[in-house]
Amino acid sequence: MARDRNASEKKKTKVTMTDVAKAAGVSQSTVSIILGNRGSSSFPETTVFRVLSAANQLGYSYRFAKSTGSKEHKILVAATNLNNPYYTTMIHAIEMAAYETEFDIIIRNTYHDGEREDELMMDALRQEYDGVLFLYAPDNKDLFHTVAKSMPVISICDSESRMSTDIVELNNMLSGRLLAEHLIQLGHRDIGFLTTPHAGNIIRTMRMKGVQEAMRQAGLSRRLHIFETQKEERQTVASFSIPYNEGYQLAQRKEIYEKKITALICINDIMAVGVLDYLMEHGIRVPQDISVAGIDNLGLSGLRQIALTTIDNHMDSVAQSAIDLLFTRIRSKTAGSEAEKKVAGGRYKAEFTPDIVVRGTTGPCPIKSK
């Protein structure tokens, strides 16, 4: 009798399309069309979102047909701009990790555009992918967490991003602090920090805070000079080379030379290369006249003609860690509830500690500082 009663209870708790319709506040036919992927584009996005969210939260089993391919699972990898070598380096590591596996990597750019980001997460909610990996902290965290309720998702972002999903963290504040401390030890006192607009960007903000903290601890807060690209300046450069051109433009600021700044910390390596080119073209020696440093330790930064002092965030290891975790989550989910329970164990969080790589673009302060 007990066995029959349990079977009856299981049958009663089975989620139906009617349940999804009720939870989403729409008709059953609407649910059928949207979940059947037949003409769902004719409905407002808010309606599609409600239906997909309700289905995923109630555990209603459905699956859109995927395009045929040789790989069993499809992973969505979201970046902001593949013209930035930081993201191409990450994606290279991810693709290498997935090369001989059953996972197919689908790469999408968002350009920090809200509509683009929402669109790709809606694609994920439609279960067009088996997992999602964001290479940055998503702007729409609410939608991201909704997606996380229906499939494995991971973000690679700053330790201060406060994501409640699986996360691989980068300590960008420490990155900024290490560079500032290095320059202070070399005798530099008037230091410039060059950045693209940081408002709303956690990575840039934390790197700047790290520099500010090191300068404050050394009693040099008033001798830190922040130079940020203005909106009108950004509009004059091609989008594919913004970091380089912005570095080149920022290096032209008269205040750098009027205030006798002897060291420049750039928000990333590409901006630093732009700065180096401007200084070289104008006969300003590095590091004899001014020191320059970047962050990211891109492949080009170690070239002999550049030899940039920078911060290594171990991007290859970060990407490998994130994709390994995502693969494990998907495999356990596919294997069934018992395997999933063994792997789950709550939220997974890993932090990578940055290291400074000292090369030829930083040296002793050229003037005696007070």
Protein backbone atom coordinates (compact mmCIF):
# COMPACT_ATOMS: atom_id res chain seq x y z
CA MET A 1 0.00 0.00 0.00
CA ALA A 2 2.79 2.40 0.96
CA ARG A 3 4.46 1.84 -2.39
CA ASP A 4 1.20 2.53 -4.27
CA ARG A 5 0.59 5.67 -2.23
CA ASN A 6 4.09 7.02 -2.99
CA ALA A 7 3.62 6.30 -6.69
CA SER A 8 0.29 8.12 -6.61
CA GLU A 9 1.86 11.14 -4.89
CA LYS A 10 4.64 11.30 -7.48
CA LYS A 11 2.06 11.20 -10.23
CA LYS A 12 0.11 14.04 -8.66
CA THR A 13 3.21 16.25 -8.33
CA LYS A 14 4.19 15.89 -11.99
CA VAL A 15 4.37 19.36 -13.54
CA THR A 16 2.13 19.91 -16.53
CA MET A 17 1.87 22.58 -19.19
CA THR A 18 -1.24 23.83 -17.37
CA ASP A 19 0.85 24.42 -14.24
CA VAL A 20 3.36 26.43 -16.26
CA ALA A 21 0.59 28.50 -17.84
CA LYS A 22 -0.91 29.26 -14.43
CA ALA A 23 2.45 30.26 -12.94
CA ALA A 24 3.27 32.48 -15.92
CA GLY A 25 -0.21 34.02 -16.10
CA VAL A 26 -0.76 33.07 -19.73
CA SER A 27 -2.87 30.59 -21.69
CA GLN A 28 -1.86 26.97 -22.18
CA SER A 29 -1.70 27.50 -25.94
CA THR A 30 0.81 30.33 -25.39
CA VAL A 31 2.96 28.00 -23.30
CA SER A 32 2.70 25.32 -25.97
CA ILE A 33 3.83 27.68 -28.74
CA ILE A 34 6.70 29.18 -26.76
CA LEU A 35 8.03 25.92 -25.34
CA GLY A 36 7.57 24.25 -28.70
CA ASN A 37 9.69 27.00 -30.23
CA ARG A 38 6.99 27.57 -32.84
CA GLY A 39 6.50 31.26 -33.48
CA SER A 40 7.66 32.33 -30.01
CA SER A 41 9.19 35.46 -31.56
CA SER A 42 5.65 36.78 -32.13
CA PHE A 43 5.19 37.18 -28.36
CA PRO A 44 6.60 40.08 -26.33
CA GLU A 45 9.96 39.22 -24.76
CA THR A 46 8.48 39.71 -21.28
CA THR A 47 5.90 36.99 -22.00
CA VAL A 48 8.53 34.59 -23.32
CA PHE A 49 10.64 35.30 -20.24
CA ARG A 50 7.74 34.58 -17.85
CA VAL A 51 6.97 31.28 -19.54
CA LEU A 52 10.58 30.11 -19.69
CA SER A 53 11.22 31.14 -16.09
CA ALA A 54 8.07 29.41 -14.86
CA ALA A 55 8.93 26.21 -16.74
CA ASN A 56 12.47 26.16 -15.42
CA GLN A 57 11.49 26.95 -11.83
CA LEU A 58 8.72 24.35 -11.76
CA GLY A 59 11.01 21.75 -13.29
CA TYR A 60 8.85 21.25 -16.38
CA SER A 61 10.75 19.06 -18.84
CA TYR A 62 11.16 20.54 -22.31
CA ARG A 63 13.92 20.89 -24.83
CA PHE A 64 14.22 22.98 -27.94
CA ALA A 65 15.70 21.29 -30.96
CA LYS A 66 19.33 22.21 -31.42
CA SER A 67 21.16 22.49 -34.68
CA THR A 68 22.92 19.28 -35.52
CA GLY A 69 26.62 19.06 -34.78
CA SER A 70 29.34 16.67 -33.77
CA LYS A 71 29.36 17.75 -30.13
CA GLU A 72 26.88 16.55 -27.55
CA HIS A 73 26.79 19.68 -25.39
CA LYS A 74 26.83 23.36 -26.31
CA ILE A 75 28.43 25.93 -24.01
CA LEU A 76 27.71 29.65 -24.32
CA VAL A 77 30.76 31.82 -23.59
CA ALA A 78 30.01 35.54 -23.25
CA ALA A 79 32.66 38.24 -23.63
CA THR A 80 32.36 42.00 -23.97
CA ASN A 81 34.63 42.54 -26.98
CA LEU A 82 36.85 40.01 -28.74
CA ASN A 83 39.00 42.83 -30.10
CA ASN A 84 40.37 43.02 -26.56
CA PRO A 85 43.29 40.51 -26.34
CA TYR A 86 42.33 39.81 -22.73
CA TYR A 87 39.20 37.99 -23.91
CA THR A 88 40.85 36.28 -26.87
CA THR A 89 43.48 34.87 -24.51
CA MET A 90 40.76 33.55 -22.21
CA ILE A 91 38.79 32.03 -25.08
CA HIS A 92 41.87 30.36 -26.50
CA ALA A 93 42.38 28.56 -23.18
CA ILE A 94 38.70 27.57 -23.07
CA GLU A 95 38.70 26.19 -26.60
CA MET A 96 41.86 24.21 -25.93
CA ALA A 97 40.25 22.71 -22.82
CA ALA A 98 37.16 21.73 -24.81
CA TYR A 99 38.91 20.53 -27.98
CA GLU A 100 38.81 16.79 -27.29
CA THR A 101 35.64 16.75 -25.19
CA GLU A 102 31.94 16.46 -25.98
CA PHE A 103 31.53 20.23 -25.49
CA ASP A 104 31.04 22.70 -28.33
CA ILE A 105 31.94 26.33 -27.50
CA ILE A 106 29.64 29.09 -28.80
CA ILE A 107 31.14 32.56 -28.37
CA ARG A 108 29.06 35.73 -28.19
CA ASN A 109 30.02 39.39 -27.79
CA THR A 110 27.86 41.74 -25.70
CA TYR A 111 29.90 44.98 -25.89
CA HIS A 112 28.39 45.75 -22.47
CA ASP A 113 25.13 46.37 -24.33
CA GLY A 114 22.15 45.52 -22.12
CA GLU A 115 19.93 44.34 -24.97
CA ARG A 116 22.61 42.05 -26.39
CA GLU A 117 23.27 40.57 -22.97
CA ASP A 118 19.57 40.00 -22.25
CA GLU A 119 19.14 38.39 -25.66
CA LEU A 120 21.84 35.79 -25.15
CA MET A 121 20.56 34.98 -21.64
CA MET A 122 17.06 34.54 -23.06
CA ASP A 123 18.60 32.09 -25.53
CA ALA A 124 20.02 30.23 -22.54
CA LEU A 125 16.61 30.20 -20.85
CA ARG A 126 15.21 28.61 -23.99
CA GLN A 127 17.69 25.82 -23.24
CA GLU A 128 19.62 26.29 -26.44
CA TYR A 129 22.75 25.68 -24.37
CA ASP A 130 23.78 23.24 -21.64
CA GLY A 131 25.79 25.77 -19.66
CA VAL A 132 26.85 29.42 -19.62
CA LEU A 133 30.23 30.97 -18.89
CA PHE A 134 30.51 34.76 -18.54
CA LEU A 135 34.05 36.12 -18.81
CA TYR A 136 32.95 39.21 -16.91
CA ALA A 137 30.39 40.13 -14.28
CA PRO A 138 27.05 40.30 -16.18
CA ASP A 139 25.29 43.63 -16.04
CA ASN A 140 21.82 42.09 -15.59
CA LYS A 141 22.50 40.02 -12.48
CA ASP A 142 18.81 39.26 -11.85
CA LEU A 143 18.39 37.61 -15.24
CA PHE A 144 21.73 35.84 -14.85
CA HIS A 145 20.59 34.32 -11.54
CA THR A 146 17.33 33.25 -13.17
CA VAL A 147 19.32 31.39 -15.82
CA ALA A 148 21.40 29.82 -13.04
CA LYS A 149 18.28 28.17 -11.64
CA SER A 150 17.86 26.10 -14.80
CA MET A 151 21.42 25.24 -15.84
CA PRO A 152 25.06 25.41 -14.72
CA VAL A 153 26.42 28.96 -15.01
CA ILE A 154 29.76 30.45 -14.01
CA SER A 155 31.18 33.94 -14.11
CA ILE A 156 34.81 35.05 -14.11
CA CYS A 157 34.87 38.41 -12.42
CA ASP A 158 36.22 40.52 -9.59
CA SER A 159 36.07 39.34 -5.99
CA GLU A 160 33.88 42.35 -5.18
CA SER A 161 31.23 41.51 -7.79
CA ARG A 162 29.09 39.75 -5.17
CA MET A 163 27.73 37.07 -7.47
CA SER A 164 25.75 34.32 -5.75
CA THR A 165 26.47 31.69 -8.43
CA ASP A 166 29.62 29.66 -9.06
CA ILE A 167 32.43 32.13 -9.58
CA VAL A 168 36.12 32.26 -10.41
CA GLU A 169 37.43 35.45 -8.84
CA LEU A 170 40.14 37.88 -9.84
CA ASN A 171 41.61 40.21 -7.21
CA ASN A 172 41.87 43.41 -9.23
CA MET A 173 42.38 45.60 -6.17
CA LEU A 174 45.56 43.69 -5.35
CA SER A 175 46.68 44.12 -8.98
CA GLY A 176 46.56 47.91 -8.65
CA ARG A 177 48.18 47.87 -5.24
CA LEU A 178 51.12 45.71 -6.36
CA LEU A 179 51.99 48.10 -9.19
CA ALA A 180 51.75 51.20 -7.00
CA GLU A 181 53.88 49.61 -4.28
CA HIS A 182 56.49 48.61 -6.87
CA LEU A 183 56.76 52.18 -8.18
CA ILE A 184 56.86 53.69 -4.70
CA GLN A 185 59.74 51.36 -3.80
CA LEU A 186 61.58 52.67 -6.86
CA GLY A 187 61.31 56.20 -5.45
CA HIS A 188 58.37 57.48 -7.49
CA ARG A 189 56.05 59.88 -5.68
CA ASP A 190 54.00 61.60 -8.38
CA ILE A 191 52.21 58.75 -10.12
CA GLY A 192 49.54 58.90 -12.82
CA PHE A 193 46.74 56.36 -13.22
CA LEU A 194 45.37 56.17 -16.78
CA THR A 195 41.99 54.56 -17.36
CA THR A 196 39.06 54.24 -19.68
CA PRO A 197 35.75 55.27 -17.99
CA HIS A 198 35.47 53.23 -14.78
CA ALA A 199 31.94 54.08 -13.62
CA GLY A 200 29.91 50.88 -13.55
CA ASN A 201 32.93 48.72 -14.40
CA ILE A 202 33.97 46.73 -11.33
CA ILE A 203 37.32 45.61 -12.76
CA ARG A 204 38.54 49.13 -13.58
CA THR A 205 37.16 50.50 -10.32
CA MET A 206 38.92 47.91 -8.16
CA ARG A 207 42.23 48.34 -9.97
CA MET A 208 42.04 52.06 -9.31
CA LYS A 209 41.12 51.49 -5.65
CA GLY A 210 44.16 49.28 -5.24
CA VAL A 211 46.43 52.06 -6.51
CA GLN A 212 44.69 54.59 -4.27
CA GLU A 213 45.08 52.36 -1.22
CA ALA A 214 48.82 51.90 -1.76
CA MET A 215 49.31 55.63 -2.25
CA ARG A 216 47.27 56.39 0.88
CA GLN A 217 49.30 53.99 3.00
CA ALA A 218 52.49 55.67 1.76
CA GLY A 219 51.11 59.11 2.62
CA LEU A 220 50.97 60.04 -1.07
CA SER A 221 47.23 60.34 -1.73
CA ARG A 222 47.56 63.92 -3.00
CA ARG A 223 50.29 62.89 -5.41
CA LEU A 224 48.16 60.38 -7.26
CA HIS A 225 46.82 61.86 -10.50
CA ILE A 226 43.94 60.10 -12.27
CA PHE A 227 43.47 60.58 -16.00
CA GLU A 228 40.28 59.20 -17.50
CA THR A 229 39.23 59.23 -21.13
CA GLN A 230 36.34 61.59 -21.74
CA LYS A 231 33.29 60.64 -23.77
CA GLU A 232 34.13 62.99 -26.62
CA GLU A 233 37.63 61.50 -26.85
CA ARG A 234 36.25 57.96 -27.14
CA GLN A 235 34.08 59.01 -30.07
CA THR A 236 37.14 60.02 -32.10
CA VAL A 237 38.78 56.58 -32.10
CA ALA A 238 37.89 53.38 -33.93
CA SER A 239 36.09 50.87 -31.71
CA PHE A 240 38.44 48.05 -32.65
CA SER A 241 41.46 49.84 -31.19
CA ILE A 242 39.98 51.95 -28.39
CA PRO A 243 42.36 50.89 -25.56
CA TYR A 244 45.48 51.55 -27.65
CA ASN A 245 44.26 54.89 -29.01
CA GLU A 246 42.99 56.00 -25.63
CA GLY A 247 46.41 55.32 -24.15
CA TYR A 248 48.00 57.31 -26.95
CA GLN A 249 45.60 60.20 -26.33
CA LEU A 250 45.91 60.18 -22.54
CA ALA A 251 49.72 60.31 -22.83
CA GLN A 252 49.26 63.72 -24.48
CA ARG A 253 47.72 65.31 -21.38
CA LYS A 254 49.80 68.39 -20.47
CA GLU A 255 49.26 67.82 -16.75
CA ILE A 256 51.44 64.71 -16.88
CA TYR A 257 54.47 66.80 -17.77
CA GLU A 258 53.54 70.01 -15.93
CA LYS A 259 53.14 68.09 -12.66
CA LYS A 260 56.38 66.19 -13.31
CA ILE A 261 54.72 62.80 -13.02
CA THR A 262 57.44 60.16 -13.19
CA ALA A 263 55.39 56.95 -13.47
CA LEU A 264 52.19 55.92 -15.23
CA ILE A 265 49.98 52.94 -14.34
CA CYS A 266 47.65 51.98 -17.19
CA ILE A 267 44.33 50.15 -16.72
CA ASN A 268 45.49 47.41 -19.10
CA ASP A 269 48.42 46.39 -21.29
CA ILE A 270 46.92 47.61 -24.56
CA MET A 271 46.52 51.12 -23.17
CA ALA A 272 50.11 50.95 -21.93
CA VAL A 273 51.33 50.11 -25.45
CA GLY A 274 49.54 53.20 -26.75
CA VAL A 275 51.29 55.27 -24.07
CA LEU A 276 54.68 53.77 -24.94
CA ASP A 277 54.24 54.59 -28.63
CA TYR A 278 53.41 58.23 -27.90
CA LEU A 279 56.39 58.62 -25.54
CA MET A 280 58.78 57.02 -28.04
CA GLU A 281 57.55 59.23 -30.89
CA HIS A 282 58.18 62.32 -28.79
CA GLY A 283 61.65 61.40 -27.55
CA ILE A 284 60.58 60.65 -23.97
CA ARG A 285 62.68 57.76 -22.70
CA VAL A 286 61.20 54.80 -20.82
CA PRO A 287 62.08 54.20 -18.02
CA GLN A 288 64.85 56.83 -17.83
CA ASP A 289 62.41 59.77 -18.03
CA ILE A 290 59.16 58.08 -17.06
CA SER A 291 58.12 54.57 -16.01
CA VAL A 292 55.08 52.79 -17.50
CA ALA A 293 53.18 49.73 -16.29
CA GLY A 294 50.08 47.82 -17.38
CA ILE A 295 47.83 45.00 -16.20
CA ASP A 296 46.98 41.60 -17.82
CA ASN A 297 50.39 40.27 -18.97
CA LEU A 298 49.28 39.72 -22.55
CA GLY A 299 51.55 37.78 -24.89
CA LEU A 300 52.74 40.92 -26.65
CA SER A 301 53.77 42.51 -23.34
CA GLY A 302 56.76 40.20 -23.04
CA LEU A 303 58.12 40.96 -26.51
CA ARG A 304 61.64 42.37 -26.36
CA GLN A 305 60.68 45.66 -28.01
CA ILE A 306 57.92 46.22 -25.45
CA ALA A 307 59.12 44.49 -22.26
CA LEU A 308 56.23 45.91 -20.26
CA THR A 309 56.08 45.69 -16.48
CA THR A 310 52.62 44.32 -15.78
CA ILE A 311 50.39 42.15 -13.61
CA ASP A 312 49.86 38.48 -14.40
CA ASN A 313 46.32 37.39 -13.49
CA HIS A 314 47.07 33.83 -14.72
CA MET A 315 44.36 33.96 -17.37
CA ASP A 316 45.08 30.48 -18.73
CA SER A 317 44.63 28.91 -15.30
CA VAL A 318 41.55 31.00 -14.57
CA ALA A 319 39.89 29.93 -17.82
CA GLN A 320 40.86 26.28 -17.29
CA SER A 321 39.44 26.29 -13.77
CA ALA A 322 36.16 27.84 -14.87
CA ILE A 323 35.59 25.52 -17.82
CA ASP A 324 36.55 22.42 -15.83
CA LEU A 325 33.96 23.30 -13.20
CA LEU A 326 31.30 24.00 -15.83
CA PHE A 327 31.98 20.67 -17.54
CA THR A 328 31.71 18.87 -14.20
CA ARG A 329 28.41 20.55 -13.38
CA ILE A 330 26.91 19.66 -16.77
CA ARG A 331 28.09 16.06 -16.70
CA SER A 332 26.71 15.52 -13.21
CA LYS A 333 23.40 17.10 -14.19
CA THR A 334 23.17 14.84 -17.24
CA ALA A 335 24.07 11.74 -15.19
CA GLY A 336 21.11 12.30 -12.85
CA SER A 337 20.15 13.68 -9.48
CA GLU A 338 22.45 11.46 -7.40
CA ALA A 339 25.56 12.43 -9.34
CA GLU A 340 24.47 16.07 -9.23
CA LYS A 341 24.16 15.96 -5.44
CA LYS A 342 27.70 14.60 -5.10
CA VAL A 343 29.14 17.45 -7.14
CA ALA A 344 26.91 20.28 -5.93
CA GLY A 345 27.98 20.88 -2.33
CA GLY A 346 26.77 24.46 -2.51
CA ARG A 347 28.36 27.33 -4.36
CA TYR A 348 31.87 26.98 -5.77
CA LYS A 349 34.27 29.90 -5.50
CA ALA A 350 37.94 30.08 -6.46
CA GLU A 351 40.23 33.11 -6.27
CA PHE A 352 43.45 33.58 -8.21
CA THR A 353 46.14 35.81 -6.73
CA PRO A 354 47.89 38.16 -9.19
CA ASP A 355 51.66 38.49 -9.46
CA ILE A 356 53.75 41.39 -10.65
CA VAL A 357 56.03 40.81 -13.64
CA VAL A 358 58.83 43.37 -13.63
CA ARG A 359 60.34 44.14 -17.02
CA GLY A 360 62.12 47.02 -18.70
CA THR A 361 59.50 49.79 -18.65
CA THR A 362 59.87 50.61 -14.94
CA GLY A 363 62.97 51.89 -13.21
CA PRO A 364 64.19 54.26 -10.46
CA CYS A 365 62.62 57.70 -10.22
CA PRO A 366 64.65 60.05 -12.44
CA ILE A 367 64.33 63.04 -10.10
CA LYS A 368 64.81 63.43 -6.39
CA SER A 369 61.35 63.50 -4.83
CA LYS A 370 60.46 65.30 -1.64
